[in-house]
Amino acid sequence: MFYSPKLSLSDILGKEYTASVAGALDALGVMPEKDAQAIAEEKVDFYPEALQKKNEELLDQVGTQIAKPFRSENNGAATNAFAKATNYNAAPLTGLCNMRLGEDGRLYLLGKSEHYQSSLGHNFNGYKLIDNARKLGILNATHNNTRGYVTRLMERELVRTANGLAKEDKAGLEKVLASEEPKVLNRVINLETGSLAVEAGVKMMLARFYRLDESFGAPKYENKTPVFFVMQDQDGGKGANYHGTTVLTQTFRGLWPQFYEAVEKAGIYKVVPVKINDLDDFKTKIEQYNSGEYKTAGFIHELILMNYGGVRLTDEYIQGAYALCRQYDTPTMSDEIQSCMWYKGMFLFRLYGIQPDFVAVGKGFPGGEYPASKIITTAEMDILNQFGALVTNGQEELASLAYLITMTFSEANGDLIEQEGKRFEAGLRSLAEKFPKQIKKVEGQGHLSAIHFQDVDTAARFAKILNGYCIDTSAQIYKVNCPPAVLLKPPVISSDKTLDYIVEKFALSLQQL
């Protein structure tokens, strides 16, 4: 069973803060101070034992119609591409834990956590503290110049956990926050989406080559062409990386080819793909692009390439690449928008023993409650002014509270999350041994896993059979230069029984191929 913290807003945010909020409500005439204090002190059971049992009991009803279907002629007003991709039957009416109840009345199992953001499933009980915060009138909307107490507390917690500090190590945290040393993560920029978080990091990398505005002095590498390293696909192209939907990062993965050609020809920047898990290739290229007109501007990567077959970068490769980046004064960015919160310690980069200059996080931290991503960086890379990377809504207080709630649960259950991830991965690897004609290999790590099939047709047929079981997964068969794969990422609240259920249905689907 998962440990279920029983905490109040005062426990999470501190009694001094909630007492001040209660006094302010009384001063406004909204509610008596004692009533507000009662709300602030109300304990919430994050993941009660009864709810954990209910989550497992619902497994018997996955794929069946348990509610009356909702039928509507309302198809929205989507673009052609989005309208074509929409599955109205599976669109949510509601959900609970690992389950989503679709508009067709059927129960769906979250095999990929609603595309990687619902780390704690649906209607997680701990988020009732957000409802209590609303009752207390704690504002969500703030401005960059009025970052609220909750957001400031969340920033400190991100820095603490990113540096692997215990909650009681206040002296250690203050030391980290005050550090001006390289590679010490102690700065947070609050943004809305992962795309903007990564973009902010890329801007800081570019600021070492170009001035943001006329108030800045000469950049460190002025008159050099910045070169960005990204992961290379199996055909030698840029298709193995995905770092958001801004124009800049889309050119990193081969989109806008004519625009990029003009940019590269003008010497504005260059994008160089490096081979997956090939340290010799990385060494050759970093030597090549730190000579003449070129200077490496940054190495941007995921640790598990969930947009490229869930391929996992090896420890030896990433540690070696980071050593070379440090040698050549090349900033590193670990893009953890998809991997954060699915591992013990919350940050996958910590399991690799590396020290990035930038860490982008999102999705799993607010648990799908809000769009709220962050870029965590160092004093050395803190080289933009306020308007260089901000978004107006990035400082939302209730979104920050969602972070704190998710982090509290994850930190309390780190060992079990790690244990369940290993169990799930082992179950998938056992399938590869039983079905070698269909499965080429299993990639990823823990909850973030992928099954690679021998060919696209087999992967497509497997996905179709699996859809009949109403297990929500992603079949990555649309990229011609990507291994045909099915991607998985169940919520971290998944128990032995739930993970074994997924493996069992996978086995049944493989038998039908």
Protein backbone atom coordinates (compact mmCIF):
# COMPACT_ATOMS: atom_id res chain seq x y z
CA MET A 1 0.00 0.00 0.00
CA PHE A 2 1.06 3.57 -0.63
CA TYR A 3 1.69 5.78 2.36
CA SER A 4 -1.02 8.42 2.55
CA PRO A 5 0.02 11.71 4.18
CA LYS A 6 -2.74 13.34 6.23
CA LEU A 7 -2.02 17.05 6.06
CA SER A 8 -3.72 20.42 6.19
CA LEU A 9 -2.97 23.65 4.37
CA SER A 10 -1.25 24.85 7.52
CA ASP A 11 0.96 21.75 7.44
CA ILE A 12 1.94 22.38 3.82
CA LEU A 13 2.18 26.16 3.83
CA GLY A 14 2.95 26.95 7.45
CA LYS A 15 0.72 28.22 10.26
CA GLU A 16 2.02 31.79 10.07
CA TYR A 17 0.89 32.13 6.47
CA THR A 18 -2.55 30.55 6.94
CA ALA A 19 -3.11 32.63 10.09
CA SER A 20 -2.37 35.76 8.08
CA VAL A 21 -4.81 34.66 5.37
CA ALA A 22 -7.48 34.00 8.00
CA GLY A 23 -6.94 37.44 9.53
CA ALA A 24 -7.13 39.07 6.10
CA LEU A 25 -10.45 37.34 5.35
CA ASP A 26 -11.83 38.61 8.63
CA ALA A 27 -10.63 42.14 7.83
CA LEU A 28 -12.38 41.99 4.46
CA GLY A 29 -15.58 40.78 6.08
CA VAL A 30 -15.55 37.56 4.06
CA MET A 31 -15.63 35.13 7.00
CA PRO A 32 -14.75 35.07 10.69
CA GLU A 33 -11.13 34.36 11.43
CA LYS A 34 -11.94 31.21 13.43
CA ASP A 35 -13.90 29.73 10.50
CA ALA A 36 -11.02 30.41 8.15
CA GLN A 37 -8.60 28.86 10.62
CA ALA A 38 -10.76 25.73 10.75
CA ILE A 39 -10.50 25.35 6.96
CA ALA A 40 -6.74 25.89 7.10
CA GLU A 41 -6.36 23.21 9.78
CA GLU A 42 -8.59 20.59 8.11
CA LYS A 43 -6.58 17.41 7.52
CA VAL A 44 -6.86 15.76 4.09
CA ASP A 45 -6.03 12.10 3.60
CA PHE A 46 -4.02 12.15 0.36
CA TYR A 47 -4.62 8.59 -0.88
CA PRO A 48 -6.85 6.72 1.60
CA GLU A 49 -6.65 2.95 1.84
CA ALA A 50 -10.29 2.65 0.76
CA LEU A 51 -9.52 4.62 -2.41
CA GLN A 52 -6.50 2.44 -3.15
CA LYS A 53 -8.70 -0.64 -2.87
CA LYS A 54 -11.37 0.96 -5.07
CA ASN A 55 -8.73 1.67 -7.70
CA GLU A 56 -7.89 -2.04 -7.86
CA GLU A 57 -11.54 -3.17 -7.77
CA LEU A 58 -12.29 -1.08 -10.85
CA LEU A 59 -9.83 -3.17 -12.88
CA ASP A 60 -12.54 -5.80 -13.31
CA GLN A 61 -14.69 -3.23 -15.13
CA VAL A 62 -12.09 -1.80 -17.51
CA GLY A 63 -13.42 -1.94 -21.06
CA THR A 64 -17.03 -2.34 -19.99
CA GLN A 65 -19.82 0.21 -20.19
CA ILE A 66 -20.62 1.16 -16.62
CA ALA A 67 -22.54 4.39 -17.28
CA LYS A 68 -25.04 5.72 -19.75
CA PRO A 69 -23.25 7.14 -22.82
CA PHE A 70 -23.25 10.88 -23.37
CA ARG A 71 -24.17 11.76 -26.93
CA SER A 72 -23.77 15.21 -28.39
CA GLU A 73 -23.52 16.91 -31.77
CA ASN A 74 -21.05 19.37 -30.27
CA ASN A 75 -17.81 18.74 -32.11
CA GLY A 76 -16.19 21.99 -31.05
CA ALA A 77 -14.33 24.14 -33.54
CA ALA A 78 -10.99 22.40 -33.90
CA THR A 79 -8.59 22.66 -36.79
CA ASN A 80 -8.73 19.87 -39.36
CA ALA A 81 -5.73 18.09 -37.87
CA PHE A 82 -7.10 18.10 -34.31
CA ALA A 83 -10.62 17.15 -35.42
CA LYS A 84 -9.27 14.17 -37.35
CA ALA A 85 -7.32 12.92 -34.34
CA THR A 86 -10.08 13.33 -31.73
CA ASN A 87 -11.62 10.22 -30.16
CA TYR A 88 -14.98 11.46 -28.86
CA ASN A 89 -15.87 8.11 -27.25
CA ALA A 90 -12.81 8.23 -25.00
CA ALA A 91 -13.18 11.92 -24.12
CA PRO A 92 -13.64 12.16 -20.35
CA LEU A 93 -16.90 12.47 -18.45
CA THR A 94 -15.00 11.93 -15.22
CA GLY A 95 -12.30 9.74 -13.77
CA LEU A 96 -10.93 8.21 -10.59
CA CYS A 97 -7.38 7.16 -9.80
CA ASN A 98 -6.08 5.09 -12.73
CA MET A 99 -9.40 5.26 -14.56
CA ARG A 100 -11.09 7.57 -17.04
CA LEU A 101 -14.81 7.24 -17.74
CA GLY A 102 -15.37 8.11 -21.40
CA GLU A 103 -18.31 9.76 -23.13
CA ASP A 104 -19.22 6.29 -24.41
CA GLY A 105 -19.80 5.22 -20.80
CA ARG A 106 -16.87 2.79 -20.85
CA LEU A 107 -14.03 2.63 -18.36
CA TYR A 108 -10.52 3.28 -19.68
CA LEU A 109 -7.26 2.45 -17.90
CA LEU A 110 -4.57 5.14 -17.98
CA GLY A 111 -1.62 3.46 -19.63
CA LYS A 112 0.17 6.75 -20.29
CA SER A 113 -1.28 9.06 -17.64
CA GLU A 114 -3.26 11.19 -20.11
CA HIS A 115 -0.09 11.86 -22.11
CA TYR A 116 2.24 12.06 -19.15
CA GLN A 117 0.69 14.74 -16.93
CA SER A 118 -1.63 12.84 -14.56
CA SER A 119 1.14 11.50 -12.34
CA LEU A 120 -1.32 10.80 -9.51
CA GLY A 121 -4.21 9.74 -11.72
CA HIS A 122 -7.60 11.44 -11.68
CA ASN A 123 -9.34 13.15 -8.76
CA PHE A 124 -6.40 12.56 -6.42
CA ASN A 125 -7.73 13.14 -2.92
CA GLY A 126 -4.74 15.25 -1.84
CA TYR A 127 -5.75 17.95 -4.30
CA LYS A 128 -8.75 18.68 -2.08
CA LEU A 129 -6.33 21.05 -0.36
CA ILE A 130 -6.60 23.18 -3.51
CA ASP A 131 -10.37 23.35 -2.92
CA ASN A 132 -9.68 24.46 0.65
CA ALA A 133 -7.28 27.09 -0.61
CA ARG A 134 -10.06 28.44 -2.83
CA LYS A 135 -12.42 28.51 0.13
CA LEU A 136 -9.82 30.63 1.92
CA GLY A 137 -9.69 32.99 -1.00
CA ILE A 138 -6.04 32.26 -1.79
CA LEU A 139 -5.62 33.87 -5.17
CA ASN A 140 -4.43 31.99 -8.21
CA ALA A 141 -3.61 34.88 -10.52
CA THR A 142 -0.64 37.02 -9.58
CA HIS A 143 1.93 39.01 -11.54
CA ASN A 144 5.64 38.49 -12.07
CA ASN A 145 6.32 41.39 -9.71
CA THR A 146 4.02 40.03 -7.00
CA ARG A 147 5.03 36.38 -6.81
CA GLY A 148 3.02 35.05 -3.90
CA TYR A 149 4.20 33.20 -0.83
CA VAL A 150 3.02 29.80 -2.13
CA THR A 151 4.98 30.20 -5.34
CA ARG A 152 8.07 31.34 -3.46
CA LEU A 153 7.77 28.30 -1.17
CA MET A 154 7.41 26.00 -4.19
CA GLU A 155 10.54 27.51 -5.77
CA ARG A 156 12.56 26.72 -2.65
CA GLU A 157 11.19 23.17 -2.60
CA LEU A 158 12.19 22.66 -6.23
CA VAL A 159 15.72 23.83 -5.45
CA ARG A 160 15.87 21.64 -2.33
CA THR A 161 14.76 18.46 -4.07
CA ALA A 162 16.75 19.12 -7.25
CA ASN A 163 19.84 19.24 -5.04
CA GLY A 164 18.88 16.12 -3.11
CA LEU A 165 18.55 17.86 0.25
CA ALA A 166 16.43 16.52 3.11
CA LYS A 167 13.46 18.62 4.14
CA GLU A 168 14.97 19.34 7.54
CA ASP A 169 18.30 20.49 6.07
CA LYS A 170 17.49 24.19 6.19
CA ALA A 171 21.13 25.24 6.51
CA GLY A 172 22.02 23.21 3.44
CA LEU A 173 19.22 24.81 1.46
CA GLU A 174 20.28 28.32 2.42
CA LYS A 175 23.83 27.51 1.35
CA VAL A 176 22.64 26.24 -2.04
CA LEU A 177 20.38 29.25 -2.58
CA ALA A 178 23.27 31.63 -1.90
CA SER A 179 25.76 29.78 -4.12
CA GLU A 180 27.33 31.50 -7.12
CA GLU A 181 29.17 28.33 -8.14
CA PRO A 182 28.62 26.73 -11.56
CA LYS A 183 26.37 23.67 -11.80
CA VAL A 184 24.43 24.48 -8.63
CA LEU A 185 20.72 24.59 -9.45
CA ASN A 186 19.27 27.49 -7.44
CA ARG A 187 17.20 29.67 -9.79
CA VAL A 188 13.60 29.02 -10.93
CA ILE A 189 11.62 30.70 -13.70
CA ASN A 190 7.89 29.98 -13.58
CA LEU A 191 6.25 29.40 -16.95
CA GLU A 192 3.11 27.81 -18.33
CA THR A 193 4.14 25.04 -20.70
CA GLY A 194 7.12 22.82 -21.28
CA SER A 195 7.71 24.52 -24.62
CA LEU A 196 8.22 27.87 -22.89
CA ALA A 197 10.38 26.34 -20.17
CA VAL A 198 12.78 24.86 -22.71
CA GLU A 199 12.66 28.04 -24.78
CA ALA A 200 13.74 30.04 -21.74
CA GLY A 201 16.78 27.83 -21.35
CA VAL A 202 17.63 28.11 -25.04
CA LYS A 203 17.40 31.91 -24.75
CA MET A 204 19.95 31.86 -21.94
CA MET A 205 22.23 29.74 -24.10
CA LEU A 206 21.82 32.22 -26.97
CA ALA A 207 22.52 35.15 -24.65
CA ARG A 208 26.16 34.05 -24.58
CA PHE A 209 26.28 34.84 -28.32
CA TYR A 210 23.74 37.64 -28.83
CA ARG A 211 22.59 40.55 -26.67
CA LEU A 212 18.98 40.47 -25.51
CA ASP A 213 18.82 44.27 -25.85
CA GLU A 214 21.12 47.27 -26.01
CA SER A 215 21.53 47.43 -22.23
CA PHE A 216 23.64 44.25 -22.26
CA GLY A 217 27.38 44.22 -22.75
CA ALA A 218 29.29 42.17 -25.32
CA PRO A 219 28.37 38.47 -25.07
CA LYS A 220 31.04 35.96 -24.11
CA TYR A 221 31.07 34.33 -27.55
CA GLU A 222 30.14 37.24 -29.77
CA ASN A 223 30.96 36.70 -33.46
CA LYS A 224 30.82 32.90 -33.10
CA THR A 225 28.06 30.79 -34.63
CA PRO A 226 26.19 28.97 -31.81
CA VAL A 227 25.82 25.23 -32.35
CA PHE A 228 23.13 23.25 -30.53
CA PHE A 229 23.52 19.50 -30.02
CA VAL A 230 20.33 17.40 -30.06
CA MET A 231 19.66 13.66 -30.34
CA GLN A 232 19.98 12.07 -33.76
CA ASP A 233 17.46 9.61 -35.19
CA GLN A 234 18.43 6.26 -36.68
CA ASP A 235 18.54 7.74 -40.20
CA GLY A 236 20.98 10.47 -39.25
CA GLY A 237 18.38 13.23 -39.01
CA LYS A 238 17.04 15.33 -36.16
CA GLY A 239 13.84 13.38 -35.54
CA ALA A 240 14.85 11.81 -32.23
CA ASN A 241 14.53 15.02 -30.23
CA TYR A 242 11.44 16.92 -29.15
CA HIS A 243 11.72 20.02 -27.00
CA GLY A 244 8.49 21.89 -27.56
CA THR A 245 6.45 23.72 -30.14
CA THR A 246 8.13 27.11 -30.43
CA VAL A 247 9.57 27.83 -33.87
CA LEU A 248 13.12 27.76 -32.52
CA THR A 249 12.91 24.29 -30.99
CA GLN A 250 10.85 22.97 -33.90
CA THR A 251 13.81 23.73 -36.16
CA PHE A 252 15.89 21.61 -33.79
CA ARG A 253 13.89 18.56 -34.91
CA GLY A 254 13.82 19.30 -38.61
CA LEU A 255 10.65 21.34 -39.01
CA TRP A 256 10.55 24.60 -41.01
CA PRO A 257 13.39 23.38 -43.27
CA GLN A 258 13.49 26.42 -45.57
CA PHE A 259 13.49 28.79 -42.63
CA TYR A 260 16.25 26.81 -40.94
CA GLU A 261 18.35 26.67 -44.11
CA ALA A 262 18.25 30.46 -44.30
CA VAL A 263 19.19 30.75 -40.62
CA GLU A 264 22.09 28.32 -40.94
CA LYS A 265 23.34 29.91 -44.17
CA ALA A 266 23.40 33.30 -42.46
CA GLY A 267 25.44 31.82 -39.59
CA ILE A 268 22.80 32.73 -36.99
CA TYR A 269 22.79 29.26 -35.40
CA LYS A 270 23.37 25.65 -36.36
CA VAL A 271 21.75 22.44 -35.11
CA VAL A 272 23.87 19.28 -35.04
CA PRO A 273 22.36 15.89 -34.18
CA VAL A 274 24.53 13.51 -32.14
CA LYS A 275 24.16 9.74 -32.27
CA ILE A 276 22.24 8.07 -29.46
CA ASN A 277 24.55 6.46 -26.91
CA ASP A 278 27.64 6.94 -29.12
CA LEU A 279 30.22 8.81 -27.05
CA ASP A 280 32.85 8.68 -29.81
CA ASP A 281 30.48 10.52 -32.15
CA PHE A 282 29.80 13.11 -29.43
CA LYS A 283 33.52 13.62 -28.84
CA THR A 284 34.24 14.04 -32.55
CA LYS A 285 31.48 16.60 -33.02
CA ILE A 286 32.19 18.66 -29.91
CA GLU A 287 35.82 18.97 -31.01
CA GLN A 288 34.73 19.90 -34.55
CA TYR A 289 32.24 22.56 -33.47
CA ASN A 290 34.54 24.32 -31.04
CA SER A 291 36.89 25.55 -33.71
CA GLY A 292 36.91 28.24 -36.37
CA GLU A 293 33.63 30.11 -36.66
CA TYR A 294 31.72 27.66 -34.44
CA LYS A 295 31.12 27.34 -30.69
CA THR A 296 28.85 24.80 -29.05
CA ALA A 297 25.96 26.68 -27.43
CA GLY A 298 24.32 23.81 -25.61
CA PHE A 299 23.50 20.12 -25.40
CA ILE A 300 19.73 19.63 -25.04
CA HIS A 301 18.34 16.18 -24.37
CA GLU A 302 15.77 14.01 -22.67
CA LEU A 303 17.06 11.05 -20.68
CA ILE A 304 14.31 8.80 -21.98
CA LEU A 305 13.27 9.81 -25.49
CA MET A 306 9.52 9.43 -25.11
CA ASN A 307 8.98 11.04 -28.51
CA TYR A 308 11.37 8.57 -30.08
CA GLY A 309 10.48 5.09 -29.00
CA GLY A 310 11.21 5.62 -25.31
CA VAL A 311 14.92 5.00 -25.95
CA ARG A 312 16.98 5.40 -22.78
CA LEU A 313 20.31 7.20 -22.78
CA THR A 314 22.86 5.07 -20.96
CA ASP A 315 24.61 6.25 -17.81
CA GLU A 316 28.03 5.90 -19.44
CA TYR A 317 27.01 7.96 -22.47
CA ILE A 318 25.36 10.86 -20.65
CA GLN A 319 28.07 11.08 -17.99
CA GLY A 320 30.77 11.09 -20.67
CA ALA A 321 28.93 13.69 -22.74
CA TYR A 322 28.52 15.93 -19.69
CA ALA A 323 32.24 15.69 -18.94
CA LEU A 324 33.01 16.80 -22.50
CA CYS A 325 30.49 19.65 -22.27
CA ARG A 326 32.16 20.89 -19.11
CA GLN A 327 35.55 20.71 -20.82
CA TYR A 328 34.28 22.80 -23.74
CA ASP A 329 32.19 25.27 -21.70
CA THR A 330 28.96 23.96 -23.20
CA PRO A 331 25.78 24.33 -21.11
CA THR A 332 23.64 21.23 -20.68
CA MET A 333 19.87 20.98 -20.42
CA SER A 334 18.04 17.94 -19.11
CA ASP A 335 14.50 18.20 -20.48
CA GLU A 336 12.43 16.42 -17.83
CA ILE A 337 9.02 17.70 -18.86
CA GLN A 338 7.96 14.09 -19.37
CA SER A 339 10.20 12.20 -16.94
CA CYS A 340 9.90 14.31 -13.78
CA MET A 341 7.86 12.84 -10.91
CA TRP A 342 8.00 9.23 -12.17
CA TYR A 343 11.12 8.31 -10.22
CA LYS A 344 12.38 8.24 -6.66
CA GLY A 345 13.61 11.74 -5.89
CA MET A 346 11.29 13.19 -8.57
CA PHE A 347 14.13 14.08 -10.96
CA LEU A 348 15.51 11.40 -13.27
CA PHE A 349 18.78 13.31 -13.80
CA ARG A 350 19.69 12.68 -10.15
CA LEU A 351 19.67 8.92 -10.77
CA TYR A 352 22.28 9.49 -13.49
CA GLY A 353 24.58 11.43 -11.18
CA ILE A 354 24.88 14.40 -13.54
CA GLN A 355 24.83 18.17 -12.95
CA PRO A 356 22.89 19.97 -15.68
CA ASP A 357 22.95 23.74 -16.13
CA PHE A 358 19.23 23.68 -16.88
CA VAL A 359 16.43 21.32 -15.89
CA ALA A 360 13.00 21.77 -17.47
CA VAL A 361 10.12 20.30 -15.45
CA GLY A 362 6.36 20.24 -15.79
CA LYS A 363 3.46 17.86 -16.52
CA GLY A 364 3.90 15.45 -13.59
CA PHE A 365 4.62 18.08 -10.92
CA PRO A 366 1.18 19.79 -11.00
CA GLY A 367 -0.43 16.40 -11.70
CA GLY A 368 -2.57 17.65 -14.56
CA GLU A 369 -4.34 20.17 -12.33
CA TYR A 370 -2.74 23.18 -14.03
CA PRO A 371 -0.36 23.91 -16.92
CA ALA A 372 2.70 24.89 -14.93
CA SER A 373 6.25 24.26 -16.09
CA LYS A 374 9.54 25.57 -14.74
CA ILE A 375 13.12 25.98 -15.83
CA ILE A 376 15.60 25.45 -13.00
CA THR A 377 19.05 26.89 -13.61
CA THR A 378 22.20 28.23 -11.96
CA ALA A 379 23.62 31.59 -10.96
CA GLU A 380 26.09 31.31 -13.85
CA MET A 381 23.28 30.99 -16.40
CA ASP A 382 21.08 33.65 -14.79
CA ILE A 383 21.90 36.16 -17.55
CA LEU A 384 18.54 37.41 -18.86
CA ASN A 385 16.54 40.32 -17.53
CA GLN A 386 12.98 39.86 -16.27
CA PHE A 387 11.38 40.30 -19.66
CA GLY A 388 13.70 37.87 -21.39
CA ALA A 389 11.83 34.73 -20.34
CA LEU A 390 8.67 35.59 -18.43
CA VAL A 391 5.03 34.74 -19.04
CA THR A 392 2.26 36.69 -17.34
CA ASN A 393 0.49 33.70 -15.79
CA GLY A 394 3.51 31.68 -14.72
CA GLN A 395 3.31 32.58 -11.03
CA GLU A 396 -0.13 31.08 -10.27
CA GLU A 397 -0.46 30.32 -6.57
CA LEU A 398 -2.82 27.36 -6.79
CA ALA A 399 -0.66 25.78 -9.47
CA SER A 400 2.26 26.14 -7.08
CA LEU A 401 0.17 24.47 -4.36
CA ALA A 402 -0.48 21.58 -6.76
CA TYR A 403 3.31 21.21 -7.08
CA LEU A 404 3.74 21.11 -3.31
CA ILE A 405 1.02 18.49 -2.86
CA THR A 406 2.40 16.23 -5.57
CA MET A 407 5.94 16.60 -4.26
CA THR A 408 4.82 15.76 -0.72
CA PHE A 409 3.20 12.51 -1.83
CA SER A 410 6.08 11.54 -4.10
CA GLU A 411 8.75 12.22 -1.49
CA ALA A 412 6.83 10.14 1.06
CA ASN A 413 6.52 7.21 -1.38
CA GLY A 414 9.83 7.31 -3.22
CA ASP A 415 10.92 3.78 -2.33
CA LEU A 416 7.60 2.26 -3.38
CA ILE A 417 7.50 4.25 -6.63
CA GLU A 418 10.96 2.91 -7.45
CA GLN A 419 9.90 -0.64 -6.51
CA GLU A 420 6.76 -0.53 -8.66
CA GLY A 421 8.68 0.91 -11.60
CA LYS A 422 11.15 -1.97 -11.48
CA ARG A 423 8.31 -4.48 -11.24
CA PHE A 424 6.57 -3.00 -14.29
CA GLU A 425 9.75 -2.92 -16.34
CA ALA A 426 10.54 -6.53 -15.41
CA GLY A 427 7.05 -7.59 -16.46
CA LEU A 428 7.45 -5.98 -19.87
CA ARG A 429 10.88 -7.54 -20.34
CA SER A 430 9.40 -10.95 -19.58
CA LEU A 431 6.98 -10.38 -22.48
CA ALA A 432 9.93 -9.72 -24.80
CA GLU A 433 11.36 -13.11 -23.83
CA LYS A 434 8.02 -14.89 -24.42
CA PHE A 435 7.21 -13.18 -27.72
CA PRO A 436 10.54 -12.67 -29.56
CA LYS A 437 8.91 -12.88 -33.01
CA GLN A 438 6.78 -9.83 -32.28
CA ILE A 439 8.87 -7.83 -29.80
CA LYS A 440 12.31 -6.56 -30.79
CA LYS A 441 13.17 -5.12 -27.37
CA VAL A 442 11.93 -3.15 -24.39
CA GLU A 443 13.25 0.37 -23.88
CA GLY A 444 12.93 3.06 -21.20
CA GLN A 445 13.12 2.72 -17.43
CA GLY A 446 10.51 1.95 -14.81
CA HIS A 447 7.11 3.48 -15.44
CA LEU A 448 8.42 5.19 -18.61
CA SER A 449 8.75 2.19 -20.87
CA ALA A 450 8.32 1.30 -24.51
CA ILE A 451 7.89 -1.93 -26.43
CA HIS A 452 9.67 -1.96 -29.78
CA PHE A 453 8.10 -4.24 -32.38
CA GLN A 454 9.78 -5.95 -35.29
CA ASP A 455 7.81 -3.91 -37.83
CA VAL A 456 5.18 -1.18 -38.14
CA ASP A 457 2.39 -3.59 -39.13
CA THR A 458 2.84 -5.66 -35.97
CA ALA A 459 2.88 -2.57 -33.79
CA ALA A 460 -0.28 -1.23 -35.45
CA ARG A 461 -2.16 -4.51 -35.04
CA PHE A 462 -1.06 -4.76 -31.42
CA ALA A 463 -2.29 -1.23 -30.70
CA LYS A 464 -5.66 -1.99 -32.31
CA ILE A 465 -6.13 -5.10 -30.18
CA LEU A 466 -5.04 -3.22 -27.07
CA ASN A 467 -7.56 -0.46 -27.76
CA GLY A 468 -10.25 -3.11 -27.52
CA TYR A 469 -9.20 -3.65 -23.92
CA CYS A 470 -9.54 0.13 -23.30
CA ILE A 471 -5.96 0.53 -22.10
CA ASP A 472 -4.84 4.01 -23.10
CA THR A 473 -1.38 3.89 -24.67
CA SER A 474 0.47 5.62 -27.51
CA ALA A 475 1.44 3.71 -30.63
CA GLN A 476 4.40 5.54 -32.13
CA ILE A 477 4.18 4.26 -35.69
CA TYR A 478 3.80 7.51 -37.59
CA LYS A 479 7.50 8.44 -37.79
CA VAL A 480 9.28 6.80 -40.70
CA ASN A 481 12.67 7.13 -39.00
CA CYS A 482 11.55 5.93 -35.56
CA PRO A 483 11.37 2.38 -34.19
CA PRO A 484 7.73 1.16 -34.24
CA ALA A 485 6.84 1.31 -30.57
CA VAL A 486 4.05 1.41 -28.02
CA LEU A 487 4.74 3.87 -25.20
CA LEU A 488 3.68 3.42 -21.57
CA LYS A 489 3.60 5.59 -18.50
CA PRO A 490 1.06 4.51 -15.86
CA PRO A 491 0.47 6.86 -12.91
CA VAL A 492 2.82 6.45 -9.95
CA ILE A 493 -0.15 5.46 -7.76
CA SER A 494 -0.36 2.19 -9.73
CA SER A 495 -0.18 -0.86 -7.48
CA ASP A 496 1.20 -4.35 -8.13
CA LYS A 497 -2.24 -5.49 -9.20
CA THR A 498 -2.71 -2.63 -11.65
CA LEU A 499 0.71 -3.01 -13.27
CA ASP A 500 0.32 -6.80 -13.48
CA TYR A 501 -3.09 -6.25 -15.11
CA ILE A 502 -1.49 -4.14 -17.85
CA VAL A 503 1.21 -6.76 -18.48
CA GLU A 504 -1.46 -9.52 -18.55
CA LYS A 505 -3.54 -7.67 -21.16
CA PHE A 506 -0.42 -7.02 -23.18
CA ALA A 507 0.28 -10.76 -23.17
CA LEU A 508 -3.27 -11.52 -24.33
CA SER A 509 -2.92 -8.94 -27.12
CA LEU A 510 0.39 -10.43 -28.23
CA GLN A 511 -1.17 -13.90 -28.37
CA GLN A 512 -3.80 -12.57 -30.79
CA LEU A 513 -1.26 -11.19 -33.26
